[in-house]
Amino acid sequence: MSRFLLGLLLAAVLAAALFYLWNRQQEQAQERLESQVAQLKQETQTLRKENDRFRTDLAKVQEEEGRLVTENQMLIKEIEQSRLTGKVPVKIPRLPYPPK
């Protein structure tokens, strides 16, 4: 009977030690995952800020492009009107590039 109780006690101590080791391993894994989550949240926040900045820059570029398209169309109309009145020759001579 004492052997049985001693064996039972030894098994309980061994089970407790194994549970403790397993529990520590799980806690360390949880800490690593929480650290990764925090790092990924920080990276996500940085990328969102960068994305917002890129969207703002893109809006500025698109606005400038729209302005340039409008200006280009106005210049084309002015050139055509000047050609009709004879102020601008039909064939424009090529200018040296870069200008001298």
Foldseek 3Di string as FASTA:
>chain_A
DVVVVVVVVVVVVVVVVVVVVVVVVVVVVVVVVVVVVVVVVVVVVVVVVVVVVVVVVVVVVVVVVVVVVVVVVVVVVVVVVCVVVPVDPPDDDDADPPHD
